[in-house]
Amino acid sequence: MLWYLHLCSVNKVVVLEYEDEAKGEMIESKSGKGRFKKVTLYPKVVVESNSMIEKAKLLHQQANEMCFIANSCNFEIGHVVEVEAKN
């Protein structure tokens, strides 16, 4: 999220609200040991104007590529992005 907000700021996308819900899929072995197979983030973003919506959506991919946490995981991290304008 911090990379996303930074990229929005640099690209003059004004974020008014941001919330996210993460859902993960786990694999468990017979011994009980488990690991994540996949995590999907469901961010809901409110930006200042309609002209910012498309850029706000596109910046999620770049933020994921730069994210320290995403780069440290050995499983897929997806995004299902919802962006709307306040006006």
C-alpha atoms as a PDB file:
ATOM      1  CA  MET A   1       0.000   0.000   0.000  1.00  0.00           C
ATOM      2  CA  LEU A   2       2.801   2.465   0.756  1.00  0.00           C
ATOM      3  CA  TRP A   3       4.327   2.042  -2.697  1.00  0.00           C
ATOM      4  CA  TYR A   4       0.884   2.497  -4.228  1.00  0.00           C
ATOM      5  CA  LEU A   5       0.247   5.745  -2.354  1.00  0.00           C
ATOM      6  CA  HIS A   6       3.718   6.999  -3.248  1.00  0.00           C
ATOM      7  CA  LEU A   7       3.198   6.234  -6.945  1.00  0.00           C
ATOM      8  CA  CYS A   8      -0.196   7.942  -6.886  1.00  0.00           C
ATOM      9  CA  SER A   9       1.370  11.032  -5.338  1.00  0.00           C
ATOM     10  CA  VAL A  10       4.189  11.142  -7.910  1.00  0.00           C
ATOM     11  CA  ASN A  11       1.638  10.729 -10.718  1.00  0.00           C
ATOM     12  CA  LYS A  12      -0.712  13.390  -9.313  1.00  0.00           C
ATOM     13  CA  VAL A  13      -3.474  10.932  -8.465  1.00  0.00           C
ATOM     14  CA  VAL A  14      -5.175  12.202  -5.312  1.00  0.00           C
ATOM     15  CA  VAL A  15      -6.327   9.269  -3.158  1.00  0.00           C
ATOM     16  CA  LEU A  16      -9.122  10.209  -0.764  1.00  0.00           C
ATOM     17  CA  GLU A  17      -9.896   6.728   0.587  1.00  0.00           C
ATOM     18  CA  TYR A  18      -8.173   3.345   0.472  1.00  0.00           C
ATOM     19  CA  GLU A  19      -9.261   0.045   1.967  1.00  0.00           C
ATOM     20  CA  ASP A  20      -8.175  -3.458   1.145  1.00  0.00           C
ATOM     21  CA  GLU A  21      -9.288  -6.985   1.854  1.00  0.00           C
ATOM     22  CA  ALA A  22      -6.814  -9.799   1.321  1.00  0.00           C
ATOM     23  CA  LYS A  23      -7.852 -13.385   0.693  1.00  0.00           C
ATOM     24  CA  GLY A  24      -5.386 -16.250   0.678  1.00  0.00           C
ATOM     25  CA  GLU A  25      -5.402 -19.823  -0.513  1.00  0.00           C
ATOM     26  CA  MET A  26      -3.406 -22.266   1.596  1.00  0.00           C
ATOM     27  CA  ILE A  27      -2.081 -25.763   1.048  1.00  0.00           C
ATOM     28  CA  GLU A  28      -1.775 -28.076   4.027  1.00  0.00           C
ATOM     29  CA  SER A  29       0.241 -31.285   4.038  1.00  0.00           C
ATOM     30  CA  LYS A  30      -0.744 -34.484   5.837  1.00  0.00           C
ATOM     31  CA  SER A  31       1.604 -33.530   8.679  1.00  0.00           C
ATOM     32  CA  GLY A  32      -0.313 -30.281   9.220  1.00  0.00           C
ATOM     33  CA  LYS A  33       2.444 -28.101   7.800  1.00  0.00           C
ATOM     34  CA  GLY A  34       1.023 -25.410   5.564  1.00  0.00           C
ATOM     35  CA  ARG A  35       1.899 -22.601   3.221  1.00  0.00           C
ATOM     36  CA  PHE A  36       0.173 -19.998   1.125  1.00  0.00           C
ATOM     37  CA  LYS A  37      -0.375 -20.899  -2.514  1.00  0.00           C
ATOM     38  CA  LYS A  38      -1.877 -17.590  -3.590  1.00  0.00           C
ATOM     39  CA  VAL A  39      -3.004 -14.274  -2.117  1.00  0.00           C
ATOM     40  CA  THR A  40      -5.350 -11.827  -3.809  1.00  0.00           C
ATOM     41  CA  LEU A  41      -5.783  -8.229  -2.693  1.00  0.00           C
ATOM     42  CA  TYR A  42      -9.096  -6.464  -3.227  1.00  0.00           C
ATOM     43  CA  PRO A  43      -8.308  -2.754  -2.884  1.00  0.00           C
ATOM     44  CA  LYS A  44     -11.121  -0.203  -3.039  1.00  0.00           C
ATOM     45  CA  VAL A  45      -9.787   3.232  -3.857  1.00  0.00           C
ATOM     46  CA  VAL A  46     -11.576   6.570  -4.035  1.00  0.00           C
ATOM     47  CA  VAL A  47      -9.770   9.269  -6.021  1.00  0.00           C
ATOM     48  CA  GLU A  48     -10.482  12.969  -6.379  1.00  0.00           C
ATOM     49  CA  SER A  49     -11.782  12.991  -9.963  1.00  0.00           C
ATOM     50  CA  ASN A  50     -12.896  10.751 -12.831  1.00  0.00           C
ATOM     51  CA  SER A  51      -9.807  11.711 -14.840  1.00  0.00           C
ATOM     52  CA  MET A  52      -7.646   9.881 -12.251  1.00  0.00           C
ATOM     53  CA  ILE A  53      -9.450   6.526 -12.300  1.00  0.00           C
ATOM     54  CA  GLU A  54      -7.560   4.785 -15.113  1.00  0.00           C
ATOM     55  CA  LYS A  55      -4.130   5.858 -13.843  1.00  0.00           C
ATOM     56  CA  ALA A  56      -5.085   4.791 -10.311  1.00  0.00           C
ATOM     57  CA  LYS A  57      -5.933   1.309 -11.607  1.00  0.00           C
ATOM     58  CA  LEU A  58      -2.719   0.969 -13.610  1.00  0.00           C
ATOM     59  CA  LEU A  59      -0.468   1.972 -10.704  1.00  0.00           C
ATOM     60  CA  HIS A  60      -1.394  -1.167  -8.733  1.00  0.00           C
ATOM     61  CA  GLN A  61       0.731  -3.347 -11.008  1.00  0.00           C
ATOM     62  CA  GLN A  62       3.776  -1.082 -10.664  1.00  0.00           C
ATOM     63  CA  ALA A  63       3.304  -0.930  -6.889  1.00  0.00           C
ATOM     64  CA  ASN A  64       3.183  -4.732  -6.734  1.00  0.00           C
ATOM     65  CA  GLU A  65       6.439  -4.962  -8.702  1.00  0.00           C
ATOM     66  CA  MET A  66       8.157  -2.611  -6.226  1.00  0.00           C
ATOM     67  CA  CYS A  67       6.623  -3.996  -3.006  1.00  0.00           C
ATOM     68  CA  PHE A  68       9.103  -5.433  -0.490  1.00  0.00           C
ATOM     69  CA  ILE A  69       6.544  -7.913   0.832  1.00  0.00           C
ATOM     70  CA  ALA A  70       5.399  -9.092  -2.612  1.00  0.00           C
ATOM     71  CA  ASN A  71       9.025  -9.518  -3.688  1.00  0.00           C
ATOM     72  CA  SER A  72       9.721 -11.634  -0.603  1.00  0.00           C
ATOM     73  CA  CYS A  73       6.911 -14.135  -1.222  1.00  0.00           C
ATOM     74  CA  ASN A  74       7.232 -17.379  -3.140  1.00  0.00           C
ATOM     75  CA  PHE A  75       3.593 -17.406  -4.219  1.00  0.00           C
ATOM     76  CA  GLU A  76       1.392 -15.398  -6.554  1.00  0.00           C
ATOM     77  CA  ILE A  77      -0.062 -12.108  -5.353  1.00  0.00           C
ATOM     78  CA  GLY A  78      -2.967 -10.858  -7.447  1.00  0.00           C
ATOM     79  CA  HIS A  79      -5.017  -7.680  -7.458  1.00  0.00           C
ATOM     80  CA  VAL A  80      -8.685  -7.134  -8.177  1.00  0.00           C
ATOM     81  CA  VAL A  81      -8.882  -3.351  -8.165  1.00  0.00           C
ATOM     82  CA  GLU A  82     -11.951  -1.174  -7.737  1.00  0.00           C
ATOM     83  CA  VAL A  83     -11.503   2.589  -8.218  1.00  0.00           C
ATOM     84  CA  GLU A  84     -14.153   5.281  -8.159  1.00  0.00           C
ATOM     85  CA  ALA A  85     -14.133   9.076  -8.098  1.00  0.00           C
ATOM     86  CA  LYS A  86     -15.600  11.146  -5.299  1.00  0.00           C
ATOM     87  CA  ASN A  87     -17.134  13.729  -7.659  1.00  0.00           C
END
